[in-house]
Amino acid sequence: MRDYLERMAAPTMTPALEASYPRLVAANGPKMIALARDMADGALPAGLPPAFTAQARDALGPDKLLAVGLSVITDTADRETARARARDAVSTSLSRSWYAATIARLGYPDQEIAAVGDELVSAIVAHGDPESIAATVAAHLAAGADHVILLPPAGGGGADLMTGVGQLEQLAPALLQPR
């Protein structure tokens, strides 16, 4: 990754764009966060709780961009269904050993991780009513995120793009309330 970032900064044969764009590193672990701090304009961790956002902000320092990807279950008509979908998403992520190790480093006990407990699910996937989702977004912002990117579920469940856009539009009033 270091080599890749160095090559990105090297001159190219085609004319360079007149505008510069921030270079973010997708970073869900301490080594990639350090690389983002040292060689990029910031980091984009995703699928992690606000405690990770706070650690990333501390490691990056105050001057780097921190954009956080937050999984969100936007169909909030049925709270239990939303929680079950969120639990499924977290369970799938926890099946990856590196991801489970990242969660454990944040202080979640093995029992909470193995059980895919409610507290863990709520910290990783925003779900429920719009105010609950907005509270999770606010927790990431309070932990040091500059931006929070809402990531609705991809594919599955019969959701199409316009349905997802409509659901995100319904969340907008709660997300735009000052906290």
C-alpha atoms as a PDB file:
ATOM      1  CA  MET A   1       0.000   0.000   0.000  1.00  0.00           C
ATOM      2  CA  ARG A   2       2.881   2.342   0.765  1.00  0.00           C
ATOM      3  CA  ASP A   3       4.303   1.691  -2.724  1.00  0.00           C
ATOM      4  CA  TYR A   4       0.888   2.284  -4.277  1.00  0.00           C
ATOM      5  CA  LEU A   5       0.510   5.645  -2.510  1.00  0.00           C
ATOM      6  CA  GLU A   6       4.002   6.677  -3.596  1.00  0.00           C
ATOM      7  CA  ARG A   7       3.158   5.823  -7.210  1.00  0.00           C
ATOM      8  CA  MET A   8      -0.067   7.834  -6.941  1.00  0.00           C
ATOM      9  CA  ALA A   9       1.974  10.909  -6.064  1.00  0.00           C
ATOM     10  CA  ALA A  10       4.482  10.392  -8.898  1.00  0.00           C
ATOM     11  CA  PRO A  11       4.224  12.408 -12.114  1.00  0.00           C
ATOM     12  CA  THR A  12       2.133  10.834 -14.842  1.00  0.00           C
ATOM     13  CA  MET A  13       2.414  10.896 -18.619  1.00  0.00           C
ATOM     14  CA  THR A  14      -1.000  12.484 -18.986  1.00  0.00           C
ATOM     15  CA  PRO A  15      -1.531  16.041 -17.826  1.00  0.00           C
ATOM     16  CA  ALA A  16      -2.377  16.225 -14.146  1.00  0.00           C
ATOM     17  CA  LEU A  17      -5.778  17.507 -13.125  1.00  0.00           C
ATOM     18  CA  GLU A  18      -5.845  21.163 -12.186  1.00  0.00           C
ATOM     19  CA  ALA A  19      -7.823  20.446  -9.040  1.00  0.00           C
ATOM     20  CA  SER A  20      -6.446  18.345  -6.254  1.00  0.00           C
ATOM     21  CA  TYR A  21      -8.623  15.883  -4.401  1.00  0.00           C
ATOM     22  CA  PRO A  22      -8.099  14.522  -0.910  1.00  0.00           C
ATOM     23  CA  ARG A  23      -6.540  11.081  -0.855  1.00  0.00           C
ATOM     24  CA  LEU A  24      -8.116   8.826   1.768  1.00  0.00           C
ATOM     25  CA  VAL A  25      -6.956   5.366   2.752  1.00  0.00           C
ATOM     26  CA  ALA A  26      -9.556   2.735   3.595  1.00  0.00           C
ATOM     27  CA  ALA A  27      -8.275   1.862   7.047  1.00  0.00           C
ATOM     28  CA  ASN A  28      -9.811  -0.509   9.581  1.00  0.00           C
ATOM     29  CA  GLY A  29      -6.671  -1.279  11.534  1.00  0.00           C
ATOM     30  CA  PRO A  30      -3.878   0.558  13.314  1.00  0.00           C
ATOM     31  CA  LYS A  31      -1.223   0.042  10.606  1.00  0.00           C
ATOM     32  CA  MET A  32      -3.458   1.395   7.854  1.00  0.00           C
ATOM     33  CA  ILE A  33      -4.520   4.326  10.041  1.00  0.00           C
ATOM     34  CA  ALA A  34      -0.817   5.131  10.583  1.00  0.00           C
ATOM     35  CA  LEU A  35      -0.221   4.896   6.833  1.00  0.00           C
ATOM     36  CA  ALA A  36      -3.143   7.248   6.219  1.00  0.00           C
ATOM     37  CA  ARG A  37      -1.660   9.680   8.726  1.00  0.00           C
ATOM     38  CA  ASP A  38       1.795   9.542   7.162  1.00  0.00           C
ATOM     39  CA  MET A  39       1.042   9.382   3.446  1.00  0.00           C
ATOM     40  CA  ALA A  40      -2.514  10.539   2.752  1.00  0.00           C
ATOM     41  CA  ASP A  41      -4.964  13.274   3.558  1.00  0.00           C
ATOM     42  CA  GLY A  42      -6.939  11.062   5.876  1.00  0.00           C
ATOM     43  CA  ALA A  43      -8.693   7.760   6.443  1.00  0.00           C
ATOM     44  CA  LEU A  44     -11.982   6.072   5.716  1.00  0.00           C
ATOM     45  CA  PRO A  45     -12.713   3.300   8.202  1.00  0.00           C
ATOM     46  CA  ALA A  46     -16.028   1.506   7.780  1.00  0.00           C
ATOM     47  CA  GLY A  47     -18.232  -0.861   9.716  1.00  0.00           C
ATOM     48  CA  LEU A  48     -16.773  -0.080  13.122  1.00  0.00           C
ATOM     49  CA  PRO A  49     -18.181   1.480  16.307  1.00  0.00           C
ATOM     50  CA  PRO A  50     -17.603   5.047  17.528  1.00  0.00           C
ATOM     51  CA  ALA A  51     -14.833   3.778  19.854  1.00  0.00           C
ATOM     52  CA  PHE A  52     -12.765   2.987  16.752  1.00  0.00           C
ATOM     53  CA  THR A  53     -13.561   6.428  15.323  1.00  0.00           C
ATOM     54  CA  ALA A  54     -12.118   7.984  18.506  1.00  0.00           C
ATOM     55  CA  GLN A  55      -8.957   5.856  18.236  1.00  0.00           C
ATOM     56  CA  ALA A  56      -8.591   6.737  14.559  1.00  0.00           C
ATOM     57  CA  ARG A  57      -8.952  10.461  15.317  1.00  0.00           C
ATOM     58  CA  ASP A  58      -6.292  10.220  18.038  1.00  0.00           C
ATOM     59  CA  ALA A  59      -3.907   8.385  15.702  1.00  0.00           C
ATOM     60  CA  LEU A  60      -4.529  10.695  12.735  1.00  0.00           C
ATOM     61  CA  GLY A  61      -4.314  13.923  14.682  1.00  0.00           C
ATOM     62  CA  PRO A  62      -6.611  16.904  14.304  1.00  0.00           C
ATOM     63  CA  ASP A  63      -5.582  17.969  10.795  1.00  0.00           C
ATOM     64  CA  LYS A  64      -6.345  14.828   8.807  1.00  0.00           C
ATOM     65  CA  LEU A  65      -9.722  14.081   7.257  1.00  0.00           C
ATOM     66  CA  LEU A  66     -11.675  11.275   8.923  1.00  0.00           C
ATOM     67  CA  ALA A  67     -14.665  10.039   6.933  1.00  0.00           C
ATOM     68  CA  VAL A  68     -16.437   7.083   8.547  1.00  0.00           C
ATOM     69  CA  GLY A  69     -18.564   4.536   6.704  1.00  0.00           C
ATOM     70  CA  LEU A  70     -21.591   3.581   8.817  1.00  0.00           C
ATOM     71  CA  SER A  71     -23.762   0.628   7.844  1.00  0.00           C
ATOM     72  CA  VAL A  72     -27.404   1.555   8.225  1.00  0.00           C
ATOM     73  CA  ILE A  73     -30.636  -0.377   8.014  1.00  0.00           C
ATOM     74  CA  THR A  74     -32.857   2.256   6.458  1.00  0.00           C
ATOM     75  CA  ASP A  75     -36.125   0.327   6.402  1.00  0.00           C
ATOM     76  CA  THR A  76     -37.206   1.150   9.918  1.00  0.00           C
ATOM     77  CA  ALA A  77     -40.897   0.266   9.698  1.00  0.00           C
ATOM     78  CA  ASP A  78     -40.332  -2.838  11.841  1.00  0.00           C
ATOM     79  CA  ARG A  79     -37.746  -2.336  14.596  1.00  0.00           C
ATOM     80  CA  GLU A  80     -37.287  -6.071  15.278  1.00  0.00           C
ATOM     81  CA  THR A  81     -36.717  -6.819  11.596  1.00  0.00           C
ATOM     82  CA  ALA A  82     -34.215  -3.953  11.392  1.00  0.00           C
ATOM     83  CA  ARG A  83     -32.335  -5.286  14.457  1.00  0.00           C
ATOM     84  CA  ALA A  84     -32.306  -8.819  12.999  1.00  0.00           C
ATOM     85  CA  ARG A  85     -30.899  -7.519   9.699  1.00  0.00           C
ATOM     86  CA  ALA A  86     -28.298  -5.491  11.605  1.00  0.00           C
ATOM     87  CA  ARG A  87     -27.333  -8.546  13.674  1.00  0.00           C
ATOM     88  CA  ASP A  88     -26.933 -10.611  10.477  1.00  0.00           C
ATOM     89  CA  ALA A  89     -24.627  -7.955   9.009  1.00  0.00           C
ATOM     90  CA  VAL A  90     -22.501  -7.801  12.169  1.00  0.00           C
ATOM     91  CA  SER A  91     -22.399 -11.594  12.434  1.00  0.00           C
ATOM     92  CA  THR A  92     -21.104 -11.849   8.856  1.00  0.00           C
ATOM     93  CA  SER A  93     -18.390  -9.285   9.591  1.00  0.00           C
ATOM     94  CA  LEU A  94     -17.396 -11.019  12.823  1.00  0.00           C
ATOM     95  CA  SER A  95     -16.785 -14.253  10.891  1.00  0.00           C
ATOM     96  CA  ARG A  96     -13.636 -12.552   9.549  1.00  0.00           C
ATOM     97  CA  SER A  97     -10.873 -13.088  12.107  1.00  0.00           C
ATOM     98  CA  TRP A  98      -9.213  -9.708  11.500  1.00  0.00           C
ATOM     99  CA  TYR A  99     -12.532  -7.941  12.065  1.00  0.00           C
ATOM    100  CA  ALA A 100     -13.273  -9.849  15.268  1.00  0.00           C
ATOM    101  CA  ALA A 101      -9.747  -8.991  16.476  1.00  0.00           C
ATOM    102  CA  THR A 102     -10.367  -5.292  15.768  1.00  0.00           C
ATOM    103  CA  ILE A 103     -13.586  -5.413  17.805  1.00  0.00           C
ATOM    104  CA  ALA A 104     -11.806  -7.247  20.650  1.00  0.00           C
ATOM    105  CA  ARG A 105      -9.059  -4.557  20.705  1.00  0.00           C
ATOM    106  CA  LEU A 106     -11.825  -2.019  21.352  1.00  0.00           C
ATOM    107  CA  GLY A 107     -12.585  -3.768  24.639  1.00  0.00           C
ATOM    108  CA  TYR A 108     -15.657  -5.786  23.717  1.00  0.00           C
ATOM    109  CA  PRO A 109     -15.564  -9.009  25.741  1.00  0.00           C
ATOM    110  CA  ASP A 110     -15.333 -12.357  23.952  1.00  0.00           C
ATOM    111  CA  GLN A 111     -18.830 -13.248  25.190  1.00  0.00           C
ATOM    112  CA  GLU A 112     -20.348 -10.091  23.625  1.00  0.00           C
ATOM    113  CA  ILE A 113     -18.557 -10.804  20.349  1.00  0.00           C
ATOM    114  CA  ALA A 114     -19.564 -14.497  20.282  1.00  0.00           C
ATOM    115  CA  ALA A 115     -23.185 -13.675  21.115  1.00  0.00           C
ATOM    116  CA  VAL A 116     -23.275 -10.728  18.680  1.00  0.00           C
ATOM    117  CA  GLY A 117     -24.812  -8.794  21.548  1.00  0.00           C
ATOM    118  CA  ASP A 118     -27.288  -5.947  21.248  1.00  0.00           C
ATOM    119  CA  GLU A 119     -24.792  -3.308  22.422  1.00  0.00           C
ATOM    120  CA  LEU A 120     -22.284  -4.375  19.772  1.00  0.00           C
ATOM    121  CA  VAL A 121     -24.929  -4.522  17.035  1.00  0.00           C
ATOM    122  CA  SER A 122     -26.192  -1.038  17.918  1.00  0.00           C
ATOM    123  CA  ALA A 123     -22.653   0.378  17.905  1.00  0.00           C
ATOM    124  CA  ILE A 124     -21.787  -1.038  14.481  1.00  0.00           C
ATOM    125  CA  VAL A 125     -24.996  -0.807  12.431  1.00  0.00           C
ATOM    126  CA  ALA A 126     -27.352   2.148  12.755  1.00  0.00           C
ATOM    127  CA  HIS A 127     -30.928   0.899  12.794  1.00  0.00           C
ATOM    128  CA  GLY A 128     -34.290   1.624  14.336  1.00  0.00           C
ATOM    129  CA  ASP A 129     -36.191   4.863  14.064  1.00  0.00           C
ATOM    130  CA  PRO A 130     -34.626   7.942  12.430  1.00  0.00           C
ATOM    131  CA  GLU A 131     -33.697   9.432  15.828  1.00  0.00           C
ATOM    132  CA  SER A 132     -31.793   6.262  16.797  1.00  0.00           C
ATOM    133  CA  ILE A 133     -29.920   6.305  13.502  1.00  0.00           C
ATOM    134  CA  ALA A 134     -29.157  10.013  13.954  1.00  0.00           C
ATOM    135  CA  ALA A 135     -27.825   9.287  17.462  1.00  0.00           C
ATOM    136  CA  THR A 136     -25.363   6.734  16.054  1.00  0.00           C
ATOM    137  CA  VAL A 137     -24.210   9.261  13.446  1.00  0.00           C
ATOM    138  CA  ALA A 138     -23.836  11.868  16.200  1.00  0.00           C
ATOM    139  CA  ALA A 139     -21.738   9.430  18.262  1.00  0.00           C
ATOM    140  CA  HIS A 140     -19.257   9.085  15.376  1.00  0.00           C
ATOM    141  CA  LEU A 141     -19.122  12.855  14.925  1.00  0.00           C
ATOM    142  CA  ALA A 142     -18.564  13.335  18.667  1.00  0.00           C
ATOM    143  CA  ALA A 143     -15.771  10.733  18.509  1.00  0.00           C
ATOM    144  CA  GLY A 144     -13.945  12.809  15.902  1.00  0.00           C
ATOM    145  CA  ALA A 145     -15.354  11.985  12.471  1.00  0.00           C
ATOM    146  CA  ASP A 146     -15.452  14.861   9.999  1.00  0.00           C
ATOM    147  CA  HIS A 147     -18.037  13.074   7.859  1.00  0.00           C
ATOM    148  CA  VAL A 148     -20.237  10.029   8.260  1.00  0.00           C
ATOM    149  CA  ILE A 149     -21.159   8.157   5.089  1.00  0.00           C
ATOM    150  CA  LEU A 150     -24.360   6.139   5.383  1.00  0.00           C
ATOM    151  CA  LEU A 151     -24.010   2.716   3.767  1.00  0.00           C
ATOM    152  CA  PRO A 152     -27.382   1.064   3.176  1.00  0.00           C
ATOM    153  CA  PRO A 153     -27.355  -2.685   2.566  1.00  0.00           C
ATOM    154  CA  ALA A 154     -26.169  -3.617  -0.913  1.00  0.00           C
ATOM    155  CA  GLY A 155     -28.329  -5.787  -3.100  1.00  0.00           C
ATOM    156  CA  GLY A 156     -30.334  -8.437  -1.203  1.00  0.00           C
ATOM    157  CA  GLY A 157     -33.697  -8.045   0.385  1.00  0.00           C
ATOM    158  CA  GLY A 158     -35.287  -6.807  -2.842  1.00  0.00           C
ATOM    159  CA  ALA A 159     -34.201  -3.208  -2.199  1.00  0.00           C
ATOM    160  CA  ASP A 160     -33.470  -1.215  -5.315  1.00  0.00           C
ATOM    161  CA  LEU A 161     -31.570   2.058  -5.610  1.00  0.00           C
ATOM    162  CA  MET A 162     -34.617   4.310  -5.589  1.00  0.00           C
ATOM    163  CA  THR A 163     -36.047   2.561  -2.520  1.00  0.00           C
ATOM    164  CA  GLY A 164     -32.743   3.125  -0.714  1.00  0.00           C
ATOM    165  CA  VAL A 165     -32.640   6.771  -1.790  1.00  0.00           C
ATOM    166  CA  GLY A 166     -36.199   7.263  -0.558  1.00  0.00           C
ATOM    167  CA  GLN A 167     -35.355   5.717   2.804  1.00  0.00           C
ATOM    168  CA  LEU A 168     -32.267   7.940   3.152  1.00  0.00           C
ATOM    169  CA  GLU A 169     -34.429  10.967   2.322  1.00  0.00           C
ATOM    170  CA  GLN A 170     -36.755   9.997   5.182  1.00  0.00           C
ATOM    171  CA  LEU A 171     -33.764   9.992   7.542  1.00  0.00           C
ATOM    172  CA  ALA A 172     -32.541  13.418   6.453  1.00  0.00           C
ATOM    173  CA  PRO A 173     -34.683  15.555   8.808  1.00  0.00           C
ATOM    174  CA  ALA A 174     -33.447  13.627  11.874  1.00  0.00           C
ATOM    175  CA  LEU A 175     -29.846  13.722  10.658  1.00  0.00           C
ATOM    176  CA  LEU A 176     -29.905  17.447  10.012  1.00  0.00           C
ATOM    177  CA  GLN A 177     -31.192  18.363  13.510  1.00  0.00           C
ATOM    178  CA  PRO A 178     -28.492  20.123  15.543  1.00  0.00           C
ATOM    179  CA  ARG A 179     -27.310  17.959  18.428  1.00  0.00           C
END
